C-alpha cells in the first residue's frame, strides 16, 4: 500500500523528520600523536580544545555537495555497475515482512534520511506488505507497475530499495522501471565513500565497495564488446584478434580481485599500527572507554563535551568514519582514553563490518562501552537492540567478551518531560544527558569513573628517596591510602596494579 501519511510530493521529505542540531560520528584519525612522555599514543586534551578543525571539516563537507542535473537514466549508462553513483531525485520502496506498520514507516524514514545524506531529493515512497521479498523483482509485479507510474509522475531518476538486492533483482527492476535502481547497501557504501577522509578510511570503504559490486558486475550492449573470437576474428580483425579473447567483465573481475588483495595488505599494515598504539596504552594500564551507538545519536558531540576534542559535528548520518582517541581524566584524576567509533545502523552491510574490522576492534578492546542513544527518536529501543547485536557479533568474531555497557540517552534538551519519564521506564539504568547544553555531563563523568577498573593490590612499602619514579607511578596509576616521609624514604600505603606491585615488592615490609 502506498504510505501517503508518511510521504509528500510537495515536501519531498518524510513528515516529522528531525531537524536537530545535534550530530554524530564527527570522528577523524589525527595520527594520535603521543603525549610528551611518549607513553600513551594519544593527544592531550589541552592541545585539541580548539573546535576550528571540526568547523573547517564541516565547511569543506558543505562545499562538496552533488551537482544537480546529472542524469542517471539507463540510456546514458555505458560502464559497468561499480561506477560512482549519481543520485538526484529518488523514490523509495520497501517490503514490510515483520513487525507493525510503525516499524515499516520508521525503516523507510531512515532510508529517506540516508538518501538525503547522500545528496538526494526524496520525492515519494511505497511500502508493500509481503511475507518475503519477491525473488525476481523485490516487490510484486503489481507494485512494480505502480512504482513505474510514480517514477513517471514525479520525474524521478533513481529508485532506492530498503533491502539488499541480488544482481537478478537489480536487472529485472531496471528493465521494468527504466531508471537506475540501487539498494540500501549501495546507498550506505556511497555515503561512506563521500565521508571518508583518512587513508585508512578511504581504503576500508573502497574494499567494501569492491566486495559488494564484484558479484553484481554487468553492462549493456556494445559497452561490453572485446576481441572477436573464432571465424569472426579471422575474417575482420586480422592478426592479434583471433581466439576467444577476454570479455570486459572478465577483465574487470580480474582487476578487482587484484585491487582487493592490495587493499587487504594495506589495511593489515594499518591495523598493525593501530594495535601498536593500543598496546602502548595497555602496557601503561590506561583504561579505555569506547563511545558507540546508532548513527546520528550524538556520539561526537558527547566526545566534544567530555574532552573538548573539537571534532566534526554535523546533523547527518555517518558524518565521518575515522575513529578518534582522546585523553581524559576522571574527577579524581585517573587518566583514561575516550574513543569515538563508527555509528551503527539497522542491517549494517557485512562488507562494511569486514572492511572496518580494525576500527571496530576498538569497541571490544575497551574496558567500558558508553552506548549513546538518541532520546528524540520515536523508537530508541530498536536502535539499542541493533547496536547490541552488532557489538555482540564483533565480540564473537574476535573471541572477546562484550565490554561492560553504560547506556547514555543524549539530546534530552529536545525531549519533553513526559517523554523522558517514559524513556526512564523503557531504558532502566540509563544516564540522561545533553551534549549540547551540558546537562548531566558531570554526572556522566562520575559514573564513568565508577565503572572503570581500579587497582586491586594493596601494598605497604618504604621506598628509598633514590626511587622517586616509583612514588610518582603510585600517585599517577594507583590509589594512595597513606603517605609518610621518613628518614629512610617515603612510606606508601596504596592500591596498585599487579605490575607496579611487582616493582615495589623489594621495598614491602622494609623498615
Protein backbone atom coordinates (compact mmCIF):
# COMPACT_ATOMS: atom_id res chain seq x y z
CA UNK A 1 0.00 0.00 0.00
CA UNK A 2 1.18 3.49 -0.63
CA UNK A 3 2.21 5.22 2.54
CA UNK A 4 0.52 8.54 1.86
CA UNK A 5 0.61 9.63 5.50
CA UNK A 6 4.36 9.46 5.59
CA UNK A 7 5.33 10.95 2.27
CA UNK A 8 4.56 14.17 0.44
CA UNK A 9 5.33 15.20 -3.12
CA UNK A 10 5.46 18.84 -2.11
CA UNK A 11 7.60 18.39 0.98
CA UNK A 12 9.94 15.90 -0.60
CA UNK A 13 10.87 14.53 2.84
CA UNK A 14 9.19 12.29 5.40
CA UNK A 15 6.72 14.03 7.66
CA UNK A 16 8.13 14.72 11.10
CA UNK A 17 11.74 14.42 10.01
CA UNK A 18 14.16 15.64 12.65
CA UNK A 19 15.86 18.99 12.35
CA UNK A 20 18.13 18.59 15.34
CA UNK A 21 21.38 20.45 15.56
CA UNK A 22 22.96 17.53 17.35
CA UNK A 23 25.05 15.26 15.20
CA UNK A 24 27.00 12.08 15.20
CA UNK A 25 30.14 10.38 14.04
CA UNK A 26 32.22 13.57 13.96
CA UNK A 27 35.33 11.46 14.18
CA UNK A 28 38.60 11.60 12.34
CA UNK A 29 42.01 9.99 12.59
CA UNK A 30 44.61 12.60 13.52
CA UNK A 31 47.58 10.32 13.83
CA UNK A 32 47.10 10.09 17.60
CA UNK A 33 50.37 11.80 18.42
CA UNK A 34 51.93 10.65 21.70
CA UNK A 35 51.98 12.62 24.92
CA UNK A 36 55.11 14.45 25.97
CA UNK A 37 56.26 11.40 27.93
CA UNK A 38 55.63 9.13 24.92
CA UNK A 39 53.64 6.64 26.98
CA UNK A 40 50.11 6.54 25.71
CA UNK A 41 49.91 7.24 21.99
CA UNK A 42 47.09 9.83 22.11
CA UNK A 43 46.92 13.59 22.11
CA UNK A 44 46.37 15.54 25.33
CA UNK A 45 43.07 17.33 25.78
CA UNK A 46 44.64 20.76 26.04
CA UNK A 47 46.10 20.52 22.54
CA UNK A 48 42.75 19.74 20.92
CA UNK A 49 40.26 22.05 22.57
CA UNK A 50 40.08 24.38 19.57
CA UNK A 51 36.96 23.40 17.57
CA UNK A 52 38.26 25.04 14.41
CA UNK A 53 39.26 21.65 12.95
CA UNK A 54 35.69 20.37 13.07
CA UNK A 55 34.34 23.63 11.72
CA UNK A 56 36.78 23.52 8.81
CA UNK A 57 35.79 19.93 8.04
CA UNK A 58 32.13 20.91 8.12
CA UNK A 59 32.75 23.82 5.73
CA UNK A 60 34.64 21.50 3.37
CA UNK A 61 31.82 18.96 3.53
CA UNK A 62 29.25 21.61 2.59
CA UNK A 63 31.31 22.68 -0.42
CA UNK A 64 31.31 19.18 -1.91
CA UNK A 65 27.59 18.61 -2.47
CA UNK A 66 26.44 16.81 -5.58
CA UNK A 67 25.81 18.71 -8.79
CA UNK A 68 22.17 18.70 -9.85
CA UNK A 69 21.14 17.82 -13.37
CA UNK A 70 23.34 14.78 -13.99
CA UNK A 71 21.04 12.15 -15.42
CA UNK A 72 21.18 8.52 -14.35
CA UNK A 73 18.72 7.23 -16.96
CA UNK A 74 19.71 3.81 -18.25
CA UNK A 75 20.09 5.14 -21.78
CA UNK A 76 23.13 7.11 -20.58
CA UNK A 77 24.85 4.21 -18.82
CA UNK A 78 27.85 2.91 -20.77
CA UNK A 79 30.00 1.50 -17.98
CA UNK A 80 29.78 -1.42 -15.58
CA UNK A 81 27.94 -1.30 -12.28
CA UNK A 82 30.71 -0.19 -9.93
CA UNK A 83 30.95 3.35 -11.35
CA UNK A 84 30.34 6.26 -8.98
CA UNK A 85 26.67 6.64 -8.13
CA UNK A 86 24.89 9.86 -9.04
CA UNK A 87 21.70 10.25 -7.05
CA UNK A 88 19.31 13.13 -7.53
CA UNK A 89 15.53 12.73 -7.43
CA UNK A 90 14.62 9.43 -5.83
CA UNK A 91 11.61 7.29 -4.99
CA UNK A 92 11.85 4.83 -2.10
CA UNK A 93 10.31 1.38 -1.92
CA UNK A 94 10.28 -1.12 0.93
CA UNK A 95 8.89 -4.55 1.74
CA UNK A 96 7.19 -4.91 5.13
CA UNK A 97 7.79 -8.50 6.23
CA UNK A 98 7.50 -8.33 10.02
CA UNK A 99 6.54 -6.01 12.86
CA UNK A 100 3.81 -3.40 12.79
CA UNK A 101 3.16 -0.52 10.42
CA UNK A 102 5.12 1.90 12.63
CA UNK A 103 8.19 -0.30 12.27
CA UNK A 104 7.90 -0.24 8.47
CA UNK A 105 7.46 3.54 8.44
CA UNK A 106 10.48 4.03 10.71
CA UNK A 107 12.65 1.91 8.45
CA UNK A 108 11.58 3.81 5.33
CA UNK A 109 12.01 7.16 7.10
CA UNK A 110 15.56 6.13 7.98
CA UNK A 111 16.17 5.22 4.33
CA UNK A 112 14.97 8.72 3.40
CA UNK A 113 17.50 10.29 5.79
CA UNK A 114 20.22 8.12 4.29
CA UNK A 115 19.24 9.25 0.79
CA UNK A 116 19.25 12.91 1.83
CA UNK A 117 22.66 12.46 3.46
CA UNK A 118 23.89 11.13 0.11
CA UNK A 119 22.67 14.34 -1.58
CA UNK A 120 19.34 13.18 -2.98
CA UNK A 121 15.87 14.70 -3.02
CA UNK A 122 13.24 12.23 -1.80
CA UNK A 123 10.05 12.55 -3.83
CA UNK A 124 7.85 9.66 -2.75
CA UNK A 125 7.83 6.29 -1.02
CA UNK A 126 5.96 3.00 -1.31
CA UNK A 127 5.65 0.12 1.15
CA UNK A 128 4.30 -3.36 0.32
CA UNK A 129 3.19 -5.94 2.88
CA UNK A 130 4.58 -9.34 1.91
CA UNK A 131 5.73 -12.43 3.83
CA UNK A 132 9.06 -12.16 1.99
CA UNK A 133 10.56 -10.08 -0.86
CA UNK A 134 9.78 -11.27 -4.38
CA UNK A 135 12.82 -13.26 -5.61
CA UNK A 136 12.58 -11.71 -9.08
CA UNK A 137 11.65 -8.05 -8.56
CA UNK A 138 11.81 -7.50 -4.74
CA UNK A 139 8.21 -6.20 -4.79
CA UNK A 140 5.30 -7.87 -6.56
CA UNK A 141 4.53 -7.35 -10.24
CA UNK A 142 1.54 -5.13 -9.46
CA UNK A 143 3.61 -2.93 -7.19
CA UNK A 144 6.29 -2.67 -9.90
CA UNK A 145 3.71 -1.20 -12.27
CA UNK A 146 2.53 1.22 -9.58
CA UNK A 147 6.14 2.15 -8.89
CA UNK A 148 6.73 2.83 -12.59
CA UNK A 149 3.73 5.20 -12.62
CA UNK A 150 5.09 7.05 -9.57
CA UNK A 151 8.51 7.37 -11.23
CA UNK A 152 6.96 8.86 -14.36
CA UNK A 153 4.63 11.23 -12.48
CA UNK A 154 7.33 12.57 -10.15
CA UNK A 155 10.13 12.72 -12.70
CA UNK A 156 12.40 10.59 -10.52
CA UNK A 157 15.64 9.25 -11.97
CA UNK A 158 16.51 6.71 -9.25
CA UNK A 159 14.67 4.11 -7.17
CA UNK A 160 16.15 3.04 -3.82
CA UNK A 161 15.03 -0.26 -2.27
CA UNK A 162 15.05 -0.73 1.51
CA UNK A 163 16.95 -4.01 1.43
CA UNK A 164 19.87 -5.73 -0.28
CA UNK A 165 19.04 -6.79 -3.84
CA UNK A 166 20.57 -9.59 -5.85
CA UNK A 167 22.03 -8.97 -9.29
CA UNK A 168 18.94 -10.53 -10.87
CA UNK A 169 16.56 -8.31 -8.91
CA UNK A 170 18.53 -5.21 -9.88
CA UNK A 171 18.46 -6.17 -13.56
CA UNK A 172 14.75 -7.01 -13.61
CA UNK A 173 13.72 -3.82 -11.80
CA UNK A 174 15.80 -1.62 -14.08
CA UNK A 175 14.38 -3.34 -17.16
CA UNK A 176 10.84 -2.65 -15.96
CA UNK A 177 11.28 0.78 -14.37
CA UNK A 178 13.70 2.22 -16.98
CA UNK A 179 15.58 4.16 -14.30
CA UNK A 180 18.56 3.48 -12.09
CA UNK A 181 17.86 1.13 -9.15
CA UNK A 182 20.09 0.75 -6.11
CA UNK A 183 19.61 -0.92 -2.74
CA UNK A 184 20.18 0.10 0.86
CA UNK A 185 23.68 -1.39 0.97
CA UNK A 186 24.89 0.53 -2.09
CA UNK A 187 23.44 3.73 -0.62
CA UNK A 188 25.29 3.30 2.68
CA UNK A 189 28.50 2.49 0.83
CA UNK A 190 28.08 5.65 -1.24
CA UNK A 191 27.70 7.76 1.93
CA UNK A 192 30.81 6.17 3.38
CA UNK A 193 32.70 6.94 0.17
CA UNK A 194 31.69 10.61 0.40
CA UNK A 195 32.65 11.00 4.05
CA UNK A 196 35.89 9.00 4.33
CA UNK A 197 38.80 11.38 4.88
CA UNK A 198 41.78 9.42 6.19
CA UNK A 199 43.91 6.99 4.17
CA UNK A 200 42.65 4.08 6.27
CA UNK A 201 39.03 5.15 5.97
CA UNK A 202 39.24 5.51 2.20
CA UNK A 203 40.87 2.09 1.86
CA UNK A 204 38.22 0.48 4.07
CA UNK A 205 35.38 1.99 2.05
CA UNK A 206 36.93 1.06 -1.29
CA UNK A 207 37.38 -2.54 -0.12
CA UNK A 208 33.75 -2.73 1.00
CA UNK A 209 32.53 -1.28 -2.30
CA UNK A 210 34.57 -3.70 -4.40
CA UNK A 211 33.36 -6.69 -2.36
CA UNK A 212 29.76 -5.56 -2.83
CA UNK A 213 29.95 -4.80 -6.54
CA UNK A 214 32.07 -7.78 -7.60
CA UNK A 215 29.16 -10.28 -7.86
CA UNK A 216 26.98 -7.56 -9.42
CA UNK A 217 29.14 -6.56 -12.39
CA UNK A 218 27.15 -6.15 -15.56
CA UNK A 219 26.99 -3.98 -18.66
CA UNK A 220 24.87 -3.01 -21.60
CA UNK A 221 25.26 -3.82 -25.30
CA UNK A 222 28.35 -2.64 -27.15
CA UNK A 223 29.98 -1.38 -23.96
CA UNK A 224 30.96 -4.97 -23.13
CA UNK A 225 32.45 -5.88 -26.54
CA UNK A 226 36.05 -7.04 -26.73
CA UNK A 227 38.15 -9.22 -29.05
CA UNK A 228 36.24 -11.15 -31.68
CA UNK A 229 36.87 -14.86 -31.46
CA UNK A 230 36.99 -17.77 -33.89
CA UNK A 231 35.99 -17.20 -37.53
CA UNK A 232 34.70 -13.68 -36.83
CA UNK A 233 38.08 -12.58 -35.59
CA UNK A 234 39.87 -14.11 -38.55
CA UNK A 235 37.53 -12.50 -41.01
CA UNK A 236 37.65 -8.91 -39.85
CA UNK A 237 40.22 -8.38 -37.16
CA UNK A 238 43.36 -9.85 -38.66
CA UNK A 239 46.44 -10.83 -36.75
CA UNK A 240 46.15 -10.44 -32.97
CA UNK A 241 42.38 -10.67 -32.74
CA UNK A 242 41.83 -14.41 -33.22
CA UNK A 243 40.82 -16.62 -30.30
CA UNK A 244 38.12 -16.40 -27.67
CA UNK A 245 39.57 -13.23 -26.11
CA UNK A 246 38.78 -11.86 -22.67
CA UNK A 247 35.44 -10.18 -22.14
CA UNK A 248 35.27 -6.82 -20.42
CA UNK A 249 33.53 -8.34 -17.40
CA UNK A 250 36.31 -10.91 -17.04
CA UNK A 251 38.90 -8.15 -17.22
CA UNK A 252 37.04 -6.12 -14.60
CA UNK A 253 36.73 -9.11 -12.27
CA UNK A 254 40.44 -9.86 -12.56
CA UNK A 255 41.42 -6.26 -11.85
CA UNK A 256 39.01 -6.03 -8.91
CA UNK A 257 40.38 -9.22 -7.33
CA UNK A 258 43.88 -7.79 -7.68
CA UNK A 259 42.82 -4.49 -6.11
CA UNK A 260 41.06 -6.26 -3.22
CA UNK A 261 44.22 -8.19 -2.42
CA UNK A 262 46.27 -4.99 -2.40
CA UNK A 263 43.78 -3.17 -0.16
CA UNK A 264 43.73 -6.02 2.33
CA UNK A 265 47.52 -5.92 2.61
CA UNK A 266 47.44 -2.15 3.16
CA UNK A 267 44.73 -2.41 5.81
CA UNK A 268 46.62 -5.19 7.57
CA UNK A 269 49.64 -2.89 7.86
CA UNK A 270 47.43 -0.04 9.15
CA UNK A 271 45.83 -2.42 11.63
CA UNK A 272 49.29 -3.23 12.99
CA UNK A 273 49.94 0.46 13.62
CA UNK A 274 46.59 0.82 15.43
CA UNK A 275 47.29 -2.30 17.52
CA UNK A 276 50.72 -0.95 18.45
CA UNK A 277 49.22 2.30 19.72
CA UNK A 278 46.57 0.41 21.66
CA UNK A 279 49.26 -1.89 23.07
CA UNK A 280 51.25 1.10 24.34
CA UNK A 281 48.21 2.31 26.26
CA UNK A 282 47.51 -1.15 27.62
CA UNK A 283 51.13 -1.54 28.70
CA UNK A 284 50.69 1.57 30.83
CA UNK A 285 47.37 0.18 32.11
CA UNK A 286 45.42 3.18 30.88
CA UNK A 287 41.71 2.20 30.93
CA UNK A 288 39.87 2.62 27.64
CA UNK A 289 36.31 3.85 27.09
CA UNK A 290 34.63 3.33 23.69
CA UNK A 291 31.75 5.58 22.67
CA UNK A 292 29.41 3.56 20.46
CA UNK A 293 25.84 3.85 19.31
CA UNK A 294 23.45 4.34 16.44
CA UNK A 295 24.41 6.78 13.74
CA UNK A 296 23.44 10.40 14.48
CA UNK A 297 22.88 9.66 18.17
CA UNK A 298 25.33 12.42 19.14
CA UNK A 299 28.49 10.41 19.90
CA UNK A 300 30.87 13.03 18.54
CA UNK A 301 29.04 15.80 20.34
CA UNK A 302 29.41 13.79 23.54
CA UNK A 303 33.15 13.33 22.91
CA UNK A 304 33.48 17.09 22.47
CA UNK A 305 31.53 17.72 25.68
CA UNK A 306 33.70 15.32 27.68
CA UNK A 307 37.12 16.25 26.27
CA UNK A 308 36.80 19.44 24.18
CA UNK A 309 38.17 17.49 21.21
CA UNK A 310 36.59 19.79 18.60
CA UNK A 311 35.84 17.01 16.12
CA UNK A 312 33.40 17.38 13.21
CA UNK A 313 29.74 17.65 14.22
CA UNK A 314 27.03 17.53 11.55
CA UNK A 315 23.34 16.64 11.56
CA UNK A 316 23.78 13.78 9.09
CA UNK A 317 24.07 10.02 9.15
CA UNK A 318 27.65 8.71 9.14
CA UNK A 319 29.09 12.24 9.21
CA UNK A 320 32.64 10.88 9.38
CA UNK A 321 34.05 7.40 9.72
CA UNK A 322 37.53 7.58 11.21
CA UNK A 323 37.89 6.85 14.94
CA UNK A 324 39.31 9.47 17.26
CA UNK A 325 41.02 8.67 20.58
CA UNK A 326 41.41 11.41 23.18
CA UNK A 327 42.89 11.53 26.66
CA UNK A 328 40.63 12.34 29.59
CA UNK A 329 40.74 12.22 33.37
CA UNK A 330 38.19 11.15 35.94
CA UNK A 331 37.14 13.70 38.58
CA UNK A 332 39.62 12.04 40.98
CA UNK A 333 42.48 12.44 38.49
CA UNK A 334 42.78 8.94 36.96
CA UNK A 335 43.74 9.03 33.26
CA UNK A 336 41.78 7.09 30.63
CA UNK A 337 41.07 7.23 26.92
CA UNK A 338 37.83 8.04 25.10
CA UNK A 339 37.46 6.57 21.59
CA UNK A 340 34.72 7.65 19.22
CA UNK A 341 33.67 4.89 16.80
CA UNK A 342 31.74 4.42 13.57
CA UNK A 343 27.98 4.69 14.04
CA UNK A 344 25.82 1.63 13.55
CA UNK A 345 22.59 1.26 11.60
CA UNK A 346 19.94 -1.38 11.04
CA UNK A 347 21.15 -4.09 8.67
CA UNK A 348 24.72 -2.76 8.62
CA UNK A 349 26.25 -4.22 5.42
CA UNK A 350 28.52 -7.15 6.23
CA UNK A 351 31.05 -5.81 3.73
CA UNK A 352 31.48 -2.77 5.96
CA UNK A 353 31.83 -4.88 9.11
CA UNK A 354 34.62 -6.86 7.43
CA UNK A 355 36.38 -3.82 5.97
CA UNK A 356 36.15 -1.83 9.23
CA UNK A 357 37.31 -4.75 11.38
CA UNK A 358 40.40 -2.96 12.76
CA UNK A 359 38.31 0.10 13.63
CA UNK A 360 35.56 -1.91 15.31
CA UNK A 361 38.17 -3.74 17.40
CA UNK A 362 38.32 -0.56 19.49
CA UNK A 363 34.84 -1.42 20.78
CA UNK A 364 35.66 -4.93 22.01
CA UNK A 365 39.06 -3.89 23.40
CA UNK A 366 37.57 -1.21 25.67
CA UNK A 367 37.14 -1.59 29.42
CA UNK A 368 33.81 0.28 29.28
CA UNK A 369 31.31 0.79 26.45
CA UNK A 370 29.40 4.08 26.57
CA UNK A 371 26.32 3.28 24.47
CA UNK A 372 24.78 6.55 23.24
CA UNK A 373 21.06 6.62 22.38
CA UNK A 374 19.16 9.46 20.66
CA UNK A 375 16.42 10.42 23.13
CA UNK A 376 14.45 12.24 20.42
CA UNK A 377 13.99 9.05 18.38
CA UNK A 378 10.42 7.62 18.41
CA UNK A 379 11.66 4.02 18.85
CA UNK A 380 15.01 4.18 20.65
CA UNK A 381 14.75 0.60 21.97
CA UNK A 382 15.05 -0.72 18.41
CA UNK A 383 18.25 1.26 17.90
CA UNK A 384 19.61 -0.08 21.19
CA UNK A 385 18.85 -3.62 20.05
CA UNK A 386 20.51 -3.05 16.66
CA UNK A 387 23.73 -1.71 18.26
CA UNK A 388 23.90 -4.52 20.81
CA UNK A 389 23.51 -7.09 18.03
CA UNK A 390 26.42 -5.64 16.05
CA UNK A 391 28.64 -5.36 19.14
CA UNK A 392 27.89 -8.97 20.09
CA UNK A 393 28.73 -10.13 16.57
CA UNK A 394 32.03 -8.23 16.59
CA UNK A 395 32.97 -9.59 20.02
CA UNK A 396 32.14 -13.16 18.95
CA UNK A 397 34.21 -12.76 15.78
CA UNK A 398 37.25 -11.67 17.80
CA UNK A 399 36.68 -14.17 20.59
CA UNK A 400 36.41 -11.33 23.11
CA UNK A 401 33.82 -10.66 25.82
CA UNK A 402 31.33 -7.83 25.35
CA UNK A 403 32.56 -4.86 27.44
CA UNK A 404 30.50 -3.55 30.33
CA UNK A 405 27.86 -1.16 29.00
CA UNK A 406 26.84 2.26 30.28
CA UNK A 407 23.66 3.38 28.49
CA UNK A 408 23.52 7.14 27.85
CA UNK A 409 20.39 8.86 26.50
CA UNK A 410 21.50 12.01 24.66
CA UNK A 411 19.62 15.08 23.39
CA UNK A 412 17.30 15.34 26.41
CA UNK A 413 17.09 19.10 25.80
CA UNK A 414 14.92 18.26 22.76
CA UNK A 415 12.54 15.94 24.63
CA UNK A 416 9.60 16.95 26.81
CA UNK A 417 9.49 15.76 30.48
CA UNK A 418 6.69 13.27 29.82
CA UNK A 419 8.75 11.52 27.16
CA UNK A 420 11.79 11.47 29.46
CA UNK A 421 9.70 9.72 32.11
CA UNK A 422 8.67 7.14 29.51
CA UNK A 423 12.30 6.61 28.49
CA UNK A 424 13.31 6.05 32.11
CA UNK A 425 10.81 3.20 32.23
CA UNK A 426 11.82 1.88 28.80
CA UNK A 427 15.59 2.08 29.41
CA UNK A 428 16.20 1.43 33.12
CA UNK A 429 19.64 2.32 34.42
CA UNK A 430 20.33 4.81 31.62
CA UNK A 431 22.00 8.18 32.17
CA UNK A 432 20.22 11.20 30.66
CA UNK A 433 22.43 13.96 29.25
CA UNK A 434 22.55 16.72 26.67
CA UNK A 435 25.92 17.21 24.99
CA UNK A 436 24.60 20.49 23.58
CA UNK A 437 23.55 22.17 26.85
CA UNK A 438 25.86 20.24 29.17
CA UNK A 439 23.04 18.81 31.26
CA UNK A 440 24.07 15.60 33.01
CA UNK A 441 27.68 15.65 31.73
CA UNK A 442 29.18 16.00 35.23
CA UNK A 443 27.12 13.05 36.45
CA UNK A 444 28.25 11.01 33.44
CA UNK A 445 31.90 11.68 34.28
CA UNK A 446 31.30 10.41 37.83
CA UNK A 447 29.63 7.24 36.54
CA UNK A 448 32.44 6.57 34.06
CA UNK A 449 34.93 6.90 36.92
CA UNK A 450 32.94 4.38 38.99
CA UNK A 451 32.79 1.83 36.16
CA UNK A 452 36.48 1.99 35.18
CA UNK A 453 38.69 -0.80 36.56
CA UNK A 454 40.57 0.11 39.72
CA UNK A 455 43.90 -1.11 41.14
CA UNK A 456 43.35 -4.17 43.30
CA UNK A 457 46.69 -4.97 45.05
CA UNK A 458 47.20 -3.36 48.48
CA UNK A 459 50.86 -2.63 49.26
CA UNK A 460 52.71 -1.14 52.26
CA UNK A 461 56.22 -0.19 51.16
CA UNK A 462 59.09 2.03 52.26
CA UNK A 463 60.50 3.45 49.03
CA UNK A 464 64.01 5.00 49.15
CA UNK A 465 64.32 8.60 48.05
CA UNK A 466 66.53 7.37 45.21
CA UNK A 467 63.50 5.61 43.66
CA UNK A 468 61.29 8.64 43.34
CA UNK A 469 59.93 7.37 39.99
CA UNK A 470 58.09 4.57 41.82
CA UNK A 471 56.45 7.09 44.14
CA UNK A 472 55.39 9.11 41.11
CA UNK A 473 53.88 5.99 39.49
CA UNK A 474 51.90 5.21 42.64
CA UNK A 475 50.47 8.73 42.58
CA UNK A 476 49.69 8.54 38.85
CA UNK A 477 48.46 4.95 38.48
CA UNK A 478 47.36 3.83 41.94
CA UNK A 479 45.04 4.88 44.72
CA UNK A 480 47.04 6.34 47.58
CA UNK A 481 45.74 5.46 51.04
CA UNK A 482 48.51 6.97 53.20
CA UNK A 483 51.91 8.58 52.66
CA UNK A 484 54.62 9.38 55.19
CA UNK A 485 58.10 10.84 54.66
CA UNK A 486 60.70 9.27 56.97
CA UNK A 487 64.46 9.44 57.31
CA UNK A 488 64.87 6.28 55.20
CA UNK A 489 62.38 7.11 52.44
CA UNK A 490 58.70 7.51 51.62
CA UNK A 491 56.31 5.06 53.26
CA UNK A 492 53.38 4.35 50.98
CA UNK A 493 50.17 2.50 51.62
CA UNK A 494 48.22 2.26 48.35
CA UNK A 495 46.24 0.10 45.95
CA UNK A 496 48.16 -0.54 42.74
CA UNK A 497 48.08 -2.86 39.74
CA UNK A 498 49.98 -6.12 39.74
CA UNK A 499 52.90 -4.90 37.60
CA UNK A 500 53.57 -1.91 39.86
CA UNK A 501 53.17 -4.14 42.93
CA UNK A 502 55.94 -6.32 41.49
CA UNK A 503 58.24 -3.32 41.09
CA UNK A 504 57.55 -2.29 44.71
CA UNK A 505 57.94 -5.80 46.16
CA UNK A 506 61.63 -5.32 47.24
CA UNK A 507 60.52 -2.45 49.46
CA UNK A 508 57.46 -4.07 51.02
CA UNK A 509 57.93 -4.64 54.77
CA UNK A 510 61.18 -2.63 54.86
CA UNK A 511 61.86 -0.52 57.93
